[in-house]
Amino acid sequence: MNITVRKNRCPQNHPCPSLRVCPAGAMSQNGFEAPIIDQEKCISCKKCVKYCPMGAIQATE
């Protein structure tokens, strides 16, 4: 499973709130750009998916 970011759904005008819920530290963000998911660190817990208020972070198989 991969966690992906749909940039067209992410407003990219604030710090991503999902960054603080990732237990693996697999997410990062440069400025207010869309967050980046490090697939090698990601444990596919989907906490970021549930926490994203815009539905921009999605789990794909």
PDB file of N, CA and C in Angstrom:
ATOM      1  N   MET A   1       0.842  -1.179   0.000  1.00  0.00           N
ATOM      2  CA  MET A   1       0.000   0.000   0.000  1.00  0.00           C
ATOM      3  C   MET A   1       0.886   1.240   0.000  1.00  0.00           C
ATOM      4  N   ASN A   2       0.497   2.210  -0.778  1.00  0.00           N
ATOM      5  CA  ASN A   2       1.196   3.498  -0.826  1.00  0.00           C
ATOM      6  C   ASN A   2       0.266   4.590  -0.329  1.00  0.00           C
ATOM      7  N   ILE A   3       0.856   5.556   0.330  1.00  0.00           N
ATOM      8  CA  ILE A   3       0.129   6.752   0.736  1.00  0.00           C
ATOM      9  C   ILE A   3       0.545   7.851  -0.237  1.00  0.00           C
ATOM     10  N   THR A   4      -0.422   8.471  -0.868  1.00  0.00           N
ATOM     11  CA  THR A   4      -0.129   9.502  -1.862  1.00  0.00           C
ATOM     12  C   THR A   4      -0.837  10.805  -1.510  1.00  0.00           C
ATOM     13  N   VAL A   5      -0.334  11.895  -2.087  1.00  0.00           N
ATOM     14  CA  VAL A   5      -0.917  13.218  -1.875  1.00  0.00           C
ATOM     15  C   VAL A   5      -1.471  13.709  -3.201  1.00  0.00           C
ATOM     16  N   ARG A   6      -2.747  14.031  -3.216  1.00  0.00           N
ATOM     17  CA  ARG A   6      -3.363  14.621  -4.407  1.00  0.00           C
ATOM     18  C   ARG A   6      -3.200  16.136  -4.285  1.00  0.00           C
ATOM     19  N   LYS A   7      -2.235  16.663  -5.007  1.00  0.00           N
ATOM     20  CA  LYS A   7      -1.901  18.090  -4.905  1.00  0.00           C
ATOM     21  C   LYS A   7      -3.069  18.993  -5.268  1.00  0.00           C
ATOM     22  N   ASN A   8      -3.938  18.538  -6.141  1.00  0.00           N
ATOM     23  CA  ASN A   8      -5.075  19.380  -6.532  1.00  0.00           C
ATOM     24  C   ASN A   8      -6.108  19.520  -5.401  1.00  0.00           C
ATOM     25  N   ARG A   9      -6.050  18.668  -4.394  1.00  0.00           N
ATOM     26  CA  ARG A   9      -6.963  18.767  -3.250  1.00  0.00           C
ATOM     27  C   ARG A   9      -6.312  19.444  -2.053  1.00  0.00           C
ATOM     28  N   CYS A  10      -4.995  19.605  -2.088  1.00  0.00           N
ATOM     29  CA  CYS A  10      -4.260  20.210  -0.977  1.00  0.00           C
ATOM     30  C   CYS A  10      -4.142  21.713  -1.213  1.00  0.00           C
ATOM     31  N   PRO A  11      -4.633  22.545  -0.281  1.00  0.00           N
ATOM     32  CA  PRO A  11      -4.591  23.989  -0.508  1.00  0.00           C
ATOM     33  C   PRO A  11      -3.182  24.570  -0.512  1.00  0.00           C
ATOM     34  N   GLN A  12      -2.218  23.887   0.105  1.00  0.00           N
ATOM     35  CA  GLN A  12      -0.814  24.314   0.100  1.00  0.00           C
ATOM     36  C   GLN A  12      -0.625  25.763   0.548  1.00  0.00           C
ATOM     37  N   ASN A  13      -1.365  26.162   1.571  1.00  0.00           N
ATOM     38  CA  ASN A  13      -1.214  27.530   2.083  1.00  0.00           C
ATOM     39  C   ASN A  13      -1.032  27.551   3.597  1.00  0.00           C
ATOM     40  N   HIS A  14      -0.666  26.407   4.149  1.00  0.00           N
ATOM     41  CA  HIS A  14      -0.491  26.286   5.596  1.00  0.00           C
ATOM     42  C   HIS A  14       0.360  25.049   5.905  1.00  0.00           C
ATOM     43  N   PRO A  15       0.868  24.948   7.120  1.00  0.00           N
ATOM     44  CA  PRO A  15       1.561  23.710   7.503  1.00  0.00           C
ATOM     45  C   PRO A  15       0.565  22.542   7.498  1.00  0.00           C
ATOM     46  N   CYS A  16       0.964  21.437   6.965  1.00  0.00           N
ATOM     47  CA  CYS A  16       0.098  20.270   6.867  1.00  0.00           C
ATOM     48  C   CYS A  16      -0.186  19.707   8.267  1.00  0.00           C
ATOM     49  N   PRO A  17      -1.452  19.629   8.665  1.00  0.00           N
ATOM     50  CA  PRO A  17      -1.776  19.119   9.995  1.00  0.00           C
ATOM     51  C   PRO A  17      -1.474  17.630  10.158  1.00  0.00           C
ATOM     52  N   SER A  18      -1.405  16.885   9.071  1.00  0.00           N
ATOM     53  CA  SER A  18      -1.150  15.447   9.161  1.00  0.00           C
ATOM     54  C   SER A  18       0.296  15.133   9.539  1.00  0.00           C
ATOM     55  N   LEU A  19       1.192  16.092   9.379  1.00  0.00           N
ATOM     56  CA  LEU A  19       2.599  15.851   9.718  1.00  0.00           C
ATOM     57  C   LEU A  19       2.763  15.420  11.162  1.00  0.00           C
ATOM     58  N   ARG A  20       1.995  16.018  12.050  1.00  0.00           N
ATOM     59  CA  ARG A  20       2.187  15.746  13.473  1.00  0.00           C
ATOM     60  C   ARG A  20       1.583  14.428  13.946  1.00  0.00           C
ATOM     61  N   VAL A  21       0.803  13.748  13.107  1.00  0.00           N
ATOM     62  CA  VAL A  21       0.218  12.478  13.535  1.00  0.00           C
ATOM     63  C   VAL A  21       0.954  11.258  12.986  1.00  0.00           C
ATOM     64  N   CYS A  22       1.935  11.453  12.131  1.00  0.00           N
ATOM     65  CA  CYS A  22       2.667  10.332  11.536  1.00  0.00           C
ATOM     66  C   CYS A  22       3.632   9.741  12.569  1.00  0.00           C
ATOM     67  N   PRO A  23       3.379   8.503  13.032  1.00  0.00           N
ATOM     68  CA  PRO A  23       4.242   7.913  14.045  1.00  0.00           C
ATOM     69  C   PRO A  23       5.614   7.492  13.520  1.00  0.00           C
ATOM     70  N   ALA A  24       5.737   7.361  12.198  1.00  0.00           N
ATOM     71  CA  ALA A  24       6.995   6.908  11.601  1.00  0.00           C
ATOM     72  C   ALA A  24       7.873   8.057  11.127  1.00  0.00           C
ATOM     73  N   GLY A  25       7.369   9.290  11.192  1.00  0.00           N
ATOM     74  CA  GLY A  25       8.136  10.426  10.684  1.00  0.00           C
ATOM     75  C   GLY A  25       8.345  10.348   9.185  1.00  0.00           C
ATOM     76  N   ALA A  26       7.367   9.797   8.489  1.00  0.00           N
ATOM     77  CA  ALA A  26       7.492   9.587   7.041  1.00  0.00           C
ATOM     78  C   ALA A  26       7.042  10.772   6.206  1.00  0.00           C
ATOM     79  N   MET A  27       6.537  11.811   6.852  1.00  0.00           N
ATOM     80  CA  MET A  27       6.042  12.967   6.109  1.00  0.00           C
ATOM     81  C   MET A  27       6.934  14.180   6.343  1.00  0.00           C
ATOM     82  N   SER A  28       7.082  14.968   5.290  1.00  0.00           N
ATOM     83  CA  SER A  28       7.804  16.233   5.396  1.00  0.00           C
ATOM     84  C   SER A  28       7.115  17.250   4.507  1.00  0.00           C
ATOM     85  N   GLN A  29       7.480  18.503   4.702  1.00  0.00           N
ATOM     86  CA  GLN A  29       6.871  19.569   3.920  1.00  0.00           C
ATOM     87  C   GLN A  29       7.880  20.694   3.768  1.00  0.00           C
ATOM     88  N   ASN A  30       8.035  21.185   2.555  1.00  0.00           N
ATOM     89  CA  ASN A  30       8.903  22.328   2.275  1.00  0.00           C
ATOM     90  C   ASN A  30       8.036  23.577   2.211  1.00  0.00           C
ATOM     91  N   GLY A  31       8.173  24.432   3.205  1.00  0.00           N
ATOM     92  CA  GLY A  31       7.346  25.636   3.229  1.00  0.00           C
ATOM     93  C   GLY A  31       5.888  25.249   3.293  1.00  0.00           C
ATOM     94  N   PHE A  32       5.088  25.810   2.406  1.00  0.00           N
ATOM     95  CA  PHE A  32       3.674  25.472   2.349  1.00  0.00           C
ATOM     96  C   PHE A  32       3.342  24.619   1.129  1.00  0.00           C
ATOM     97  N   GLU A  33       4.334  23.940   0.575  1.00  0.00           N
ATOM     98  CA  GLU A  33       4.084  23.043  -0.549  1.00  0.00           C
ATOM     99  C   GLU A  33       3.326  21.814  -0.049  1.00  0.00           C
ATOM    100  N   ALA A  34       2.826  21.012  -0.962  1.00  0.00           N
ATOM    101  CA  ALA A  34       2.147  19.773  -0.589  1.00  0.00           C
ATOM    102  C   ALA A  34       3.125  18.871   0.163  1.00  0.00           C
ATOM    103  N   PRO A  35       2.638  18.136   1.141  1.00  0.00           N
ATOM    104  CA  PRO A  35       3.522  17.253   1.900  1.00  0.00           C
ATOM    105  C   PRO A  35       4.110  16.147   1.027  1.00  0.00           C
ATOM    106  N   ILE A  36       5.235  15.642   1.468  1.00  0.00           N
ATOM    107  CA  ILE A  36       5.935  14.567   0.768  1.00  0.00           C
ATOM    108  C   ILE A  36       5.913  13.345   1.679  1.00  0.00           C
ATOM    109  N   ILE A  37       5.613  12.183   1.112  1.00  0.00           N
ATOM    110  CA  ILE A  37       5.574  10.933   1.864  1.00  0.00           C
ATOM    111  C   ILE A  37       6.805  10.111   1.497  1.00  0.00           C
ATOM    112  N   ASP A  38       7.605   9.748   2.495  1.00  0.00           N
ATOM    113  CA  ASP A  38       8.740   8.852   2.288  1.00  0.00           C
ATOM    114  C   ASP A  38       8.200   7.429   2.391  1.00  0.00           C
ATOM    115  N   GLN A  39       8.018   6.767   1.254  1.00  0.00           N
ATOM    116  CA  GLN A  39       7.401   5.443   1.219  1.00  0.00           C
ATOM    117  C   GLN A  39       8.228   4.397   1.965  1.00  0.00           C
ATOM    118  N   GLU A  40       9.532   4.590   2.066  1.00  0.00           N
ATOM    119  CA  GLU A  40      10.376   3.629   2.776  1.00  0.00           C
ATOM    120  C   GLU A  40      10.166   3.713   4.291  1.00  0.00           C
ATOM    121  N   LYS A  41       9.841   4.891   4.797  1.00  0.00           N
ATOM    122  CA  LYS A  41       9.590   5.063   6.233  1.00  0.00           C
ATOM    123  C   LYS A  41       8.135   4.783   6.595  1.00  0.00           C
ATOM    124  N   CYS A  42       7.245   4.959   5.642  1.00  0.00           N
ATOM    125  CA  CYS A  42       5.806   4.840   5.885  1.00  0.00           C
ATOM    126  C   CYS A  42       5.442   3.420   6.334  1.00  0.00           C
ATOM    127  N   ILE A  43       4.648   3.325   7.413  1.00  0.00           N
ATOM    128  CA  ILE A  43       4.195   2.031   7.918  1.00  0.00           C
ATOM    129  C   ILE A  43       2.738   1.751   7.533  1.00  0.00           C
ATOM    130  N   SER A  44       2.168   2.570   6.689  1.00  0.00           N
ATOM    131  CA  SER A  44       0.799   2.413   6.168  1.00  0.00           C
ATOM    132  C   SER A  44      -0.262   2.346   7.265  1.00  0.00           C
ATOM    133  N   CYS A  45      -0.099   3.130   8.306  1.00  0.00           N
ATOM    134  CA  CYS A  45      -1.080   3.144   9.391  1.00  0.00           C
ATOM    135  C   CYS A  45      -2.318   3.952   9.032  1.00  0.00           C
ATOM    136  N   LYS A  46      -2.213   4.817   8.051  1.00  0.00           N
ATOM    137  CA  LYS A  46      -3.296   5.655   7.524  1.00  0.00           C
ATOM    138  C   LYS A  46      -3.768   6.742   8.490  1.00  0.00           C
ATOM    139  N   LYS A  47      -3.001   7.040   9.505  1.00  0.00           N
ATOM    140  CA  LYS A  47      -3.384   8.131  10.408  1.00  0.00           C
ATOM    141  C   LYS A  47      -3.408   9.455   9.660  1.00  0.00           C
ATOM    142  N   CYS A  48      -2.466   9.670   8.761  1.00  0.00           N
ATOM    143  CA  CYS A  48      -2.420  10.913   7.987  1.00  0.00           C
ATOM    144  C   CYS A  48      -3.638  11.036   7.083  1.00  0.00           C
ATOM    145  N   VAL A  49      -4.084   9.903   6.531  1.00  0.00           N
ATOM    146  CA  VAL A  49      -5.268   9.894   5.655  1.00  0.00           C
ATOM    147  C   VAL A  49      -6.494  10.345   6.444  1.00  0.00           C
ATOM    148  N   LYS A  50      -6.657   9.790   7.638  1.00  0.00           N
ATOM    149  CA  LYS A  50      -7.810  10.115   8.479  1.00  0.00           C
ATOM    150  C   LYS A  50      -7.764  11.549   8.983  1.00  0.00           C
ATOM    151  N   TYR A  51      -6.564  12.085   9.181  1.00  0.00           N
ATOM    152  CA  TYR A  51      -6.409  13.405   9.783  1.00  0.00           C
ATOM    153  C   TYR A  51      -6.468  14.552   8.775  1.00  0.00           C
ATOM    154  N   CYS A  52      -6.247  14.274   7.488  1.00  0.00           N
ATOM    155  CA  CYS A  52      -6.226  15.327   6.467  1.00  0.00           C
ATOM    156  C   CYS A  52      -7.632  15.897   6.271  1.00  0.00           C
ATOM    157  N   PRO A  53      -7.834  17.174   6.589  1.00  0.00           N
ATOM    158  CA  PRO A  53      -9.174  17.755   6.500  1.00  0.00           C
ATOM    159  C   PRO A  53      -9.675  17.938   5.061  1.00  0.00           C
ATOM    160  N   MET A  54      -8.780  17.921   4.102  1.00  0.00           N
ATOM    161  CA  MET A  54      -9.178  18.137   2.706  1.00  0.00           C
ATOM    162  C   MET A  54      -9.297  16.833   1.908  1.00  0.00           C
ATOM    163  N   GLY A  55      -8.947  15.710   2.498  1.00  0.00           N
ATOM    164  CA  GLY A  55      -8.985  14.434   1.777  1.00  0.00           C
ATOM    165  C   GLY A  55      -7.926  14.341   0.713  1.00  0.00           C
ATOM    166  N   ALA A  56      -6.838  15.109   0.875  1.00  0.00           N
ATOM    167  CA  ALA A  56      -5.781  15.121  -0.141  1.00  0.00           C
ATOM    168  C   ALA A  56      -4.822  13.954   0.007  1.00  0.00           C
ATOM    169  N   ILE A  57      -4.740  13.381   1.197  1.00  0.00           N
ATOM    170  CA  ILE A  57      -3.838  12.247   1.422  1.00  0.00           C
ATOM    171  C   ILE A  57      -4.671  10.977   1.324  1.00  0.00           C
ATOM    172  N   GLN A  58      -4.231  10.065   0.451  1.00  0.00           N
ATOM    173  CA  GLN A  58      -5.009   8.861   0.187  1.00  0.00           C
ATOM    174  C   GLN A  58      -4.135   7.623   0.206  1.00  0.00           C
ATOM    175  N   ALA A  59      -4.751   6.514   0.584  1.00  0.00           N
ATOM    176  CA  ALA A  59      -4.075   5.215   0.544  1.00  0.00           C
ATOM    177  C   ALA A  59      -4.443   4.523  -0.766  1.00  0.00           C
ATOM    178  N   THR A  60      -3.442   4.034  -1.472  1.00  0.00           N
ATOM    179  CA  THR A  60      -3.679   3.310  -2.729  1.00  0.00           C
ATOM    180  C   THR A  60      -3.010   1.955  -2.665  1.00  0.00           C
ATOM    181  N   GLU A  61      -3.598   1.000  -3.332  1.00  0.00           N
ATOM    182  CA  GLU A  61      -3.031  -0.352  -3.339  1.00  0.00           C
ATOM    183  C   GLU A  61      -2.205  -0.563  -4.569  1.00  0.00           C
TER     184      GLU A  61
END
